[in-house]
Amino acid sequence: KVDSGTGLRALTVANLSKARMSFDEEPHFPLDGAE
């Protein structure tokens, strides 16, 4: 999600299953430095 006025960005990740899973980092949203 992107707020076009301020540039604020949010990334939602959700596991829809009963199994553990790993996911790849989104190139346009590095998790380092993200809150």
PDB file of all heavy atoms in Angstrom:
ATOM      1  N   LYS A   1       0.863  -1.192   0.000  1.00  0.00           N
ATOM      2  CA  LYS A   1       0.000   0.000   0.000  1.00  0.00           C
ATOM      3  C   LYS A   1       0.894   1.235   0.000  1.00  0.00           C
ATOM      4  O   LYS A   1       1.905   1.282   0.701  1.00  0.00           O
ATOM      5  CB  LYS A   1      -0.903   0.015   1.238  1.00  0.00           C
ATOM      6  CG  LYS A   1      -1.899  -1.110   1.311  1.00  0.00           C
ATOM      7  CD  LYS A   1      -2.954  -1.011   0.221  1.00  0.00           C
ATOM      8  CE  LYS A   1      -3.866   0.185   0.356  1.00  0.00           C
ATOM      9  NZ  LYS A   1      -4.747   0.115   1.530  1.00  0.00           N
ATOM     10  N   VAL A   2       0.504   2.254  -0.779  1.00  0.00           N
ATOM     11  CA  VAL A   2       1.287   3.477  -0.893  1.00  0.00           C
ATOM     12  C   VAL A   2       0.370   4.679  -0.731  1.00  0.00           C
ATOM     13  O   VAL A   2      -0.680   4.765  -1.389  1.00  0.00           O
ATOM     14  CB  VAL A   2       2.016   3.566  -2.252  1.00  0.00           C
ATOM     15  CG1 VAL A   2       2.787   4.885  -2.369  1.00  0.00           C
ATOM     16  CG2 VAL A   2       2.954   2.387  -2.433  1.00  0.00           C
ATOM     17  N   ASP A   3       0.766   5.590   0.160  1.00  0.00           N
ATOM     18  CA  ASP A   3       0.094   6.885   0.299  1.00  0.00           C
ATOM     19  C   ASP A   3       0.761   7.827  -0.694  1.00  0.00           C
ATOM     20  O   ASP A   3       1.904   8.240  -0.502  1.00  0.00           O
ATOM     21  CB  ASP A   3       0.247   7.394   1.737  1.00  0.00           C
ATOM     22  CG  ASP A   3      -0.294   8.803   1.929  1.00  0.00           C
ATOM     23  OD1 ASP A   3      -0.794   9.403   0.952  1.00  0.00           O
ATOM     24  OD2 ASP A   3      -0.208   9.315   3.063  1.00  0.00           O
ATOM     25  N   SER A   4       0.045   8.153  -1.765  1.00  0.00           N
ATOM     26  CA  SER A   4       0.649   8.951  -2.832  1.00  0.00           C
ATOM     27  C   SER A   4       0.994  10.363  -2.372  1.00  0.00           C
ATOM     28  O   SER A   4       1.848  11.018  -2.968  1.00  0.00           O
ATOM     29  CB  SER A   4      -0.289   9.022  -4.039  1.00  0.00           C
ATOM     30  OG  SER A   4      -1.543   9.574  -3.670  1.00  0.00           O
ATOM     31  N   GLY A   5       0.346  10.835  -1.306  1.00  0.00           N
ATOM     32  CA  GLY A   5       0.630  12.183  -0.823  1.00  0.00           C
ATOM     33  C   GLY A   5       1.938  12.288  -0.065  1.00  0.00           C
ATOM     34  O   GLY A   5       2.712  13.235  -0.258  1.00  0.00           O
ATOM     35  N   THR A   6       2.232  11.314   0.776  1.00  0.00           N
ATOM     36  CA  THR A   6       3.427  11.373   1.627  1.00  0.00           C
ATOM     37  C   THR A   6       4.498  10.370   1.215  1.00  0.00           C
ATOM     38  O   THR A   6       5.642  10.467   1.672  1.00  0.00           O
ATOM     39  CB  THR A   6       3.046  11.087   3.086  1.00  0.00           C
ATOM     40  OG1 THR A   6       2.567   9.733   3.194  1.00  0.00           O
ATOM     41  CG2 THR A   6       1.965  12.046   3.570  1.00  0.00           C
ATOM     42  N   GLY A   7       4.139   9.409   0.381  1.00  0.00           N
ATOM     43  CA  GLY A   7       5.086   8.354   0.028  1.00  0.00           C
ATOM     44  C   GLY A   7       5.175   7.251   1.054  1.00  0.00           C
ATOM     45  O   GLY A   7       5.945   6.295   0.897  1.00  0.00           O
ATOM     46  N   LEU A   8       4.378   7.343   2.131  1.00  0.00           N
ATOM     47  CA  LEU A   8       4.356   6.308   3.159  1.00  0.00           C
ATOM     48  C   LEU A   8       3.944   4.985   2.518  1.00  0.00           C
ATOM     49  O   LEU A   8       3.012   4.938   1.704  1.00  0.00           O
ATOM     50  CB  LEU A   8       3.364   6.700   4.252  1.00  0.00           C
ATOM     51  CG  LEU A   8       3.541   6.101   5.648  1.00  0.00           C
ATOM     52  CD1 LEU A   8       4.847   6.581   6.266  1.00  0.00           C
ATOM     53  CD2 LEU A   8       2.364   6.515   6.535  1.00  0.00           C
ATOM     54  N   ARG A   9       4.634   3.896   2.919  1.00  0.00           N
ATOM     55  CA  ARG A   9       4.372   2.587   2.319  1.00  0.00           C
ATOM     56  C   ARG A   9       4.159   1.533   3.397  1.00  0.00           C
ATOM     57  O   ARG A   9       4.800   1.585   4.450  1.00  0.00           O
ATOM     58  CB  ARG A   9       5.527   2.160   1.422  1.00  0.00           C
ATOM     59  CG  ARG A   9       5.733   3.030   0.195  1.00  0.00           C
ATOM     60  CD  ARG A   9       6.919   2.545  -0.623  1.00  0.00           C
ATOM     61  NE  ARG A   9       8.186   2.761   0.051  1.00  0.00           N
ATOM     62  CZ  ARG A   9       9.300   2.088  -0.201  1.00  0.00           C
ATOM     63  NH1 ARG A   9       9.284   1.104  -1.092  1.00  0.00           N
ATOM     64  NH2 ARG A   9      10.413   2.350   0.433  1.00  0.00           N
ATOM     65  N   ALA A  10       3.269   0.605   3.124  1.00  0.00           N
ATOM     66  CA  ALA A  10       3.020  -0.513   4.038  1.00  0.00           C
ATOM     67  C   ALA A  10       3.033  -1.809   3.247  1.00  0.00           C
ATOM     68  O   ALA A  10       2.563  -1.872   2.108  1.00  0.00           O
ATOM     69  CB  ALA A  10       1.689  -0.354   4.755  1.00  0.00           C
ATOM     70  N   LEU A  11       3.576  -2.849   3.864  1.00  0.00           N
ATOM     71  CA  LEU A  11       3.596  -4.180   3.271  1.00  0.00           C
ATOM     72  C   LEU A  11       2.845  -5.126   4.192  1.00  0.00           C
ATOM     73  O   LEU A  11       3.196  -5.270   5.363  1.00  0.00           O
ATOM     74  CB  LEU A  11       5.029  -4.670   3.087  1.00  0.00           C
ATOM     75  CG  LEU A  11       5.176  -6.055   2.443  1.00  0.00           C
ATOM     76  CD1 LEU A  11       4.827  -6.004   0.953  1.00  0.00           C
ATOM     77  CD2 LEU A  11       6.587  -6.606   2.655  1.00  0.00           C
ATOM     78  N   THR A  12       1.813  -5.761   3.664  1.00  0.00           N
ATOM     79  CA  THR A  12       1.063  -6.782   4.404  1.00  0.00           C
ATOM     80  C   THR A  12       1.476  -8.160   3.904  1.00  0.00           C
ATOM     81  O   THR A  12       1.487  -8.411   2.696  1.00  0.00           O
ATOM     82  CB  THR A  12      -0.453  -6.596   4.214  1.00  0.00           C
ATOM     83  OG1 THR A  12      -0.842  -5.320   4.733  1.00  0.00           O
ATOM     84  CG2 THR A  12      -1.232  -7.686   4.927  1.00  0.00           C
ATOM     85  N   VAL A  13       1.844  -9.029   4.840  1.00  0.00           N
ATOM     86  CA  VAL A  13       2.147 -10.419   4.497  1.00  0.00           C
ATOM     87  C   VAL A  13       1.302 -11.308   5.404  1.00  0.00           C
ATOM     88  O   VAL A  13       1.185 -11.056   6.602  1.00  0.00           O
ATOM     89  CB  VAL A  13       3.652 -10.749   4.661  1.00  0.00           C
ATOM     90  CG1 VAL A  13       4.473 -10.037   3.612  1.00  0.00           C
ATOM     91  CG2 VAL A  13       4.158 -10.410   6.047  1.00  0.00           C
ATOM     92  N   ALA A  14       0.700 -12.336   4.812  1.00  0.00           N
ATOM     93  CA  ALA A  14      -0.170 -13.216   5.598  1.00  0.00           C
ATOM     94  C   ALA A  14      -0.077 -14.638   5.075  1.00  0.00           C
ATOM     95  O   ALA A  14      -0.148 -14.886   3.862  1.00  0.00           O
ATOM     96  CB  ALA A  14      -1.620 -12.727   5.530  1.00  0.00           C
ATOM     97  N   ASN A  15       0.059 -15.562   6.009  1.00  0.00           N
ATOM     98  CA  ASN A  15       0.061 -16.989   5.694  1.00  0.00           C
ATOM     99  C   ASN A  15      -1.380 -17.482   5.738  1.00  0.00           C
ATOM    100  O   ASN A  15      -2.025 -17.457   6.794  1.00  0.00           O
ATOM    101  CB  ASN A  15       0.929 -17.735   6.711  1.00  0.00           C
ATOM    102  CG  ASN A  15       1.049 -19.227   6.421  1.00  0.00           C
ATOM    103  OD1 ASN A  15       0.373 -19.760   5.548  1.00  0.00           O
ATOM    104  ND2 ASN A  15       1.907 -19.908   7.174  1.00  0.00           N
ATOM    105  N   LEU A  16      -1.899 -17.933   4.616  1.00  0.00           N
ATOM    106  CA  LEU A  16      -3.287 -18.380   4.521  1.00  0.00           C
ATOM    107  C   LEU A  16      -3.447 -19.863   4.804  1.00  0.00           C
ATOM    108  O   LEU A  16      -4.528 -20.411   4.588  1.00  0.00           O
ATOM    109  CB  LEU A  16      -3.834 -18.070   3.122  1.00  0.00           C
ATOM    110  CG  LEU A  16      -3.750 -16.614   2.652  1.00  0.00           C
ATOM    111  CD1 LEU A  16      -4.269 -16.485   1.221  1.00  0.00           C
ATOM    112  CD2 LEU A  16      -4.526 -15.691   3.587  1.00  0.00           C
ATOM    113  N   SER A  17      -2.408 -20.506   5.331  1.00  0.00           N
ATOM    114  CA  SER A  17      -2.436 -21.964   5.469  1.00  0.00           C
ATOM    115  C   SER A  17      -2.083 -22.427   6.878  1.00  0.00           C
ATOM    116  O   SER A  17      -1.649 -21.642   7.723  1.00  0.00           O
ATOM    117  CB  SER A  17      -1.452 -22.591   4.478  1.00  0.00           C
ATOM    118  OG  SER A  17      -0.117 -22.437   4.940  1.00  0.00           O
ATOM    119  N   LYS A  18      -2.234 -23.746   7.093  1.00  0.00           N
ATOM    120  CA  LYS A  18      -1.911 -24.377   8.365  1.00  0.00           C
ATOM    121  C   LYS A  18      -0.432 -24.762   8.467  1.00  0.00           C
ATOM    122  O   LYS A  18      -0.007 -25.275   9.506  1.00  0.00           O
ATOM    123  CB  LYS A  18      -2.760 -25.641   8.542  1.00  0.00           C
ATOM    124  CG  LYS A  18      -4.250 -25.409   8.554  1.00  0.00           C
ATOM    125  CD  LYS A  18      -5.002 -26.729   8.612  1.00  0.00           C
ATOM    126  CE  LYS A  18      -6.501 -26.515   8.544  1.00  0.00           C
ATOM    127  NZ  LYS A  18      -7.245 -27.803   8.521  1.00  0.00           N
ATOM    128  N   ALA A  19       0.328 -24.526   7.417  1.00  0.00           N
ATOM    129  CA  ALA A  19       1.743 -24.924   7.396  1.00  0.00           C
ATOM    130  C   ALA A  19       2.648 -23.706   7.557  1.00  0.00           C
ATOM    131  O   ALA A  19       2.310 -22.602   7.129  1.00  0.00           O
ATOM    132  CB  ALA A  19       2.061 -25.626   6.087  1.00  0.00           C
ATOM    133  N   ARG A  20       3.805 -23.888   8.181  1.00  0.00           N
ATOM    134  CA  ARG A  20       4.796 -22.824   8.219  1.00  0.00           C
ATOM    135  C   ARG A  20       5.286 -22.566   6.797  1.00  0.00           C
ATOM    136  O   ARG A  20       5.338 -23.471   5.967  1.00  0.00           O
ATOM    137  CB  ARG A  20       5.977 -23.209   9.099  1.00  0.00           C
ATOM    138  CG  ARG A  20       5.659 -23.292  10.579  1.00  0.00           C
ATOM    139  CD  ARG A  20       6.911 -23.609  11.390  1.00  0.00           C
ATOM    140  NE  ARG A  20       6.633 -23.637  12.818  1.00  0.00           N
ATOM    141  CZ  ARG A  20       6.226 -24.716  13.475  1.00  0.00           C
ATOM    142  NH1 ARG A  20       6.056 -25.848  12.813  1.00  0.00           N
ATOM    143  NH2 ARG A  20       5.989 -24.672  14.769  1.00  0.00           N
ATOM    144  N   MET A  21       5.662 -21.329   6.534  1.00  0.00           N
ATOM    145  CA  MET A  21       6.186 -21.017   5.207  1.00  0.00           C
ATOM    146  C   MET A  21       7.217 -19.903   5.301  1.00  0.00           C
ATOM    147  O   MET A  21       7.209 -19.090   6.233  1.00  0.00           O
ATOM    148  CB  MET A  21       5.061 -20.598   4.257  1.00  0.00           C
ATOM    149  CG  MET A  21       4.434 -19.245   4.559  1.00  0.00           C
ATOM    150  SD  MET A  21       3.472 -18.598   3.168  1.00  0.00           S
ATOM    151  CE  MET A  21       2.260 -19.887   2.960  1.00  0.00           C
ATOM    152  N   SER A  22       8.095 -19.885   4.327  1.00  0.00           N
ATOM    153  CA  SER A  22       9.053 -18.794   4.180  1.00  0.00           C
ATOM    154  C   SER A  22       8.640 -17.955   2.979  1.00  0.00           C
ATOM    155  O   SER A  22       7.981 -18.455   2.057  1.00  0.00           O
ATOM    156  CB  SER A  22      10.466 -19.337   3.976  1.00  0.00           C
ATOM    157  OG  SER A  22      10.887 -20.063   5.108  1.00  0.00           O
ATOM    158  N   PHE A  23       9.017 -16.695   2.998  1.00  0.00           N
ATOM    159  CA  PHE A  23       8.699 -15.853   1.861  1.00  0.00           C
ATOM    160  C   PHE A  23       9.929 -15.044   1.473  1.00  0.00           C
ATOM    161  O   PHE A  23      10.848 -14.859   2.269  1.00  0.00           O
ATOM    162  CB  PHE A  23       7.510 -14.930   2.156  1.00  0.00           C
ATOM    163  CG  PHE A  23       7.732 -13.931   3.261  1.00  0.00           C
ATOM    164  CD1 PHE A  23       8.159 -12.632   2.976  1.00  0.00           C
ATOM    165  CD2 PHE A  23       7.489 -14.263   4.586  1.00  0.00           C
ATOM    166  CE1 PHE A  23       8.358 -11.705   3.989  1.00  0.00           C
ATOM    167  CE2 PHE A  23       7.685 -13.344   5.611  1.00  0.00           C
ATOM    168  CZ  PHE A  23       8.117 -12.057   5.314  1.00  0.00           C
ATOM    169  N   ASP A  24       9.935 -14.574   0.254  1.00  0.00           N
ATOM    170  CA  ASP A  24      11.050 -13.786  -0.257  1.00  0.00           C
ATOM    171  C   ASP A  24      10.798 -12.309   0.003  1.00  0.00           C
ATOM    172  O   ASP A  24       9.658 -11.834  -0.062  1.00  0.00           O
ATOM    173  CB  ASP A  24      11.223 -14.006  -1.758  1.00  0.00           C
ATOM    174  CG  ASP A  24      11.570 -15.443  -2.085  1.00  0.00           C
ATOM    175  OD1 ASP A  24      12.270 -16.072  -1.260  1.00  0.00           O
ATOM    176  OD2 ASP A  24      11.130 -15.940  -3.142  1.00  0.00           O
ATOM    177  N   GLU A  25      11.876 -11.596   0.277  1.00  0.00           N
ATOM    178  CA  GLU A  25      11.751 -10.161   0.497  1.00  0.00           C
ATOM    179  C   GLU A  25      11.331  -9.474  -0.801  1.00  0.00           C
ATOM    180  O   GLU A  25      11.816  -9.801  -1.885  1.00  0.00           O
ATOM    181  CB  GLU A  25      13.079  -9.588   0.991  1.00  0.00           C
ATOM    182  CG  GLU A  25      12.979  -8.144   1.443  1.00  0.00           C
ATOM    183  CD  GLU A  25      14.229  -7.701   2.200  1.00  0.00           C
ATOM    184  OE1 GLU A  25      15.335  -7.964   1.685  1.00  0.00           O
ATOM    185  OE2 GLU A  25      14.090  -7.117   3.270  1.00  0.00           O
ATOM    186  N   GLU A  26      10.396  -8.555  -0.687  1.00  0.00           N
ATOM    187  CA  GLU A  26       9.948  -7.786  -1.835  1.00  0.00           C
ATOM    188  C   GLU A  26      11.020  -6.754  -2.184  1.00  0.00           C
ATOM    189  O   GLU A  26      11.393  -5.925  -1.349  1.00  0.00           O
ATOM    190  CB  GLU A  26       8.613  -7.100  -1.514  1.00  0.00           C
ATOM    191  CG  GLU A  26       8.172  -6.005  -2.449  1.00  0.00           C
ATOM    192  CD  GLU A  26       8.046  -6.476  -3.898  1.00  0.00           C
ATOM    193  OE1 GLU A  26       7.837  -7.689  -4.138  1.00  0.00           O
ATOM    194  OE2 GLU A  26       8.176  -5.618  -4.784  1.00  0.00           O
ATOM    195  N   PRO A  27      11.557  -6.783  -3.419  1.00  0.00           N
ATOM    196  CA  PRO A  27      12.656  -5.882  -3.772  1.00  0.00           C
ATOM    197  C   PRO A  27      12.349  -4.404  -3.553  1.00  0.00           C
ATOM    198  O   PRO A  27      13.247  -3.621  -3.229  1.00  0.00           O
ATOM    199  CB  PRO A  27      12.880  -6.183  -5.262  1.00  0.00           C
ATOM    200  CG  PRO A  27      12.349  -7.561  -5.465  1.00  0.00           C
ATOM    201  CD  PRO A  27      11.199  -7.706  -4.509  1.00  0.00           C
ATOM    202  N   HIS A  28      11.099  -4.020  -3.726  1.00  0.00           N
ATOM    203  CA  HIS A  28      10.729  -2.610  -3.591  1.00  0.00           C
ATOM    204  C   HIS A  28      10.374  -2.239  -2.149  1.00  0.00           C
ATOM    205  O   HIS A  28       9.977  -1.100  -1.883  1.00  0.00           O
ATOM    206  CB  HIS A  28       9.560  -2.280  -4.515  1.00  0.00           C
ATOM    207  CG  HIS A  28       9.838  -2.554  -5.953  1.00  0.00           C
ATOM    208  ND1 HIS A  28      10.765  -1.850  -6.678  1.00  0.00           N
ATOM    209  CD2 HIS A  28       9.334  -3.494  -6.795  1.00  0.00           C
ATOM    210  CE1 HIS A  28      10.803  -2.314  -7.919  1.00  0.00           C
ATOM    211  NE2 HIS A  28       9.945  -3.317  -8.006  1.00  0.00           N
ATOM    212  N   PHE A  29      10.514  -3.212  -1.231  1.00  0.00           N
ATOM    213  CA  PHE A  29      10.192  -2.940   0.170  1.00  0.00           C
ATOM    214  C   PHE A  29      11.157  -3.729   1.057  1.00  0.00           C
ATOM    215  O   PHE A  29      10.791  -4.763   1.639  1.00  0.00           O
ATOM    216  CB  PHE A  29       8.744  -3.334   0.485  1.00  0.00           C
ATOM    217  CG  PHE A  29       8.221  -2.741   1.769  1.00  0.00           C
ATOM    218  CD1 PHE A  29       7.376  -1.647   1.761  1.00  0.00           C
ATOM    219  CD2 PHE A  29       8.562  -3.282   3.007  1.00  0.00           C
ATOM    220  CE1 PHE A  29       6.874  -1.105   2.934  1.00  0.00           C
ATOM    221  CE2 PHE A  29       8.078  -2.749   4.191  1.00  0.00           C
ATOM    222  CZ  PHE A  29       7.230  -1.649   4.151  1.00  0.00           C
ATOM    223  N   PRO A  30      12.404  -3.280   1.171  1.00  0.00           N
ATOM    224  CA  PRO A  30      13.348  -3.984   2.045  1.00  0.00           C
ATOM    225  C   PRO A  30      12.903  -3.933   3.495  1.00  0.00           C
ATOM    226  O   PRO A  30      12.451  -2.900   3.989  1.00  0.00           O
ATOM    227  CB  PRO A  30      14.660  -3.228   1.823  1.00  0.00           C
ATOM    228  CG  PRO A  30      14.257  -1.889   1.319  1.00  0.00           C
ATOM    229  CD  PRO A  30      13.000  -2.093   0.532  1.00  0.00           C
ATOM    230  N   LEU A  31      13.031  -5.060   4.184  1.00  0.00           N
ATOM    231  CA  LEU A  31      12.594  -5.118   5.575  1.00  0.00           C
ATOM    232  C   LEU A  31      13.591  -4.458   6.526  1.00  0.00           C
ATOM    233  O   LEU A  31      13.201  -4.028   7.628  1.00  0.00           O
ATOM    234  CB  LEU A  31      12.337  -6.561   5.995  1.00  0.00           C
ATOM    235  CG  LEU A  31      11.196  -7.272   5.246  1.00  0.00           C
ATOM    236  CD1 LEU A  31      10.949  -8.651   5.841  1.00  0.00           C
ATOM    237  CD2 LEU A  31       9.919  -6.449   5.260  1.00  0.00           C
ATOM    238  N   ASP A  32      14.850  -4.383   6.124  1.00  0.00           N
ATOM    239  CA  ASP A  32      15.825  -3.655   6.945  1.00  0.00           C
ATOM    240  C   ASP A  32      15.408  -2.193   7.032  1.00  0.00           C
ATOM    241  O   ASP A  32      15.208  -1.527   6.014  1.00  0.00           O
ATOM    242  CB  ASP A  32      17.229  -3.752   6.337  1.00  0.00           C
ATOM    243  CG  ASP A  32      17.875  -5.092   6.637  1.00  0.00           C
ATOM    244  OD1 ASP A  32      17.450  -5.738   7.606  1.00  0.00           O
ATOM    245  OD2 ASP A  32      18.785  -5.496   5.882  1.00  0.00           O
ATOM    246  N   GLY A  33      15.243  -1.712   8.240  1.00  0.00           N
ATOM    247  CA  GLY A  33      14.822  -0.339   8.444  1.00  0.00           C
ATOM    248  C   GLY A  33      13.326  -0.146   8.446  1.00  0.00           C
ATOM    249  O   GLY A  33      12.836   0.962   8.718  1.00  0.00           O
ATOM    250  N   ALA A  34      12.552  -1.195   8.141  1.00  0.00           N
ATOM    251  CA  ALA A  34      11.090  -1.092   8.168  1.00  0.00           C
ATOM    252  C   ALA A  34      10.577  -1.297   9.593  1.00  0.00           C
ATOM    253  O   ALA A  34      11.143  -2.066  10.375  1.00  0.00           O
ATOM    254  CB  ALA A  34      10.468  -2.119   7.239  1.00  0.00           C
ATOM    255  N   GLU A  35       9.508  -0.630   9.916  1.00  0.00           N
ATOM    256  CA  GLU A  35       8.866  -0.776  11.230  1.00  0.00           C
ATOM    257  C   GLU A  35       7.830  -1.891  11.164  1.00  0.00           C
ATOM    258  O   GLU A  35       7.005  -1.926  10.243  1.00  0.00           O
ATOM    259  CB  GLU A  35       8.178   0.532  11.618  1.00  0.00           C
ATOM    260  CG  GLU A  35       7.377   0.458  12.912  1.00  0.00           C
ATOM    261  CD  GLU A  35       6.543   1.710  13.165  1.00  0.00           C
ATOM    262  OE1 GLU A  35       6.699   2.697  12.418  1.00  0.00           O
ATOM    263  OE2 GLU A  35       5.720   1.687  14.108  1.00  0.00           O
TER     264      GLU A  35
END
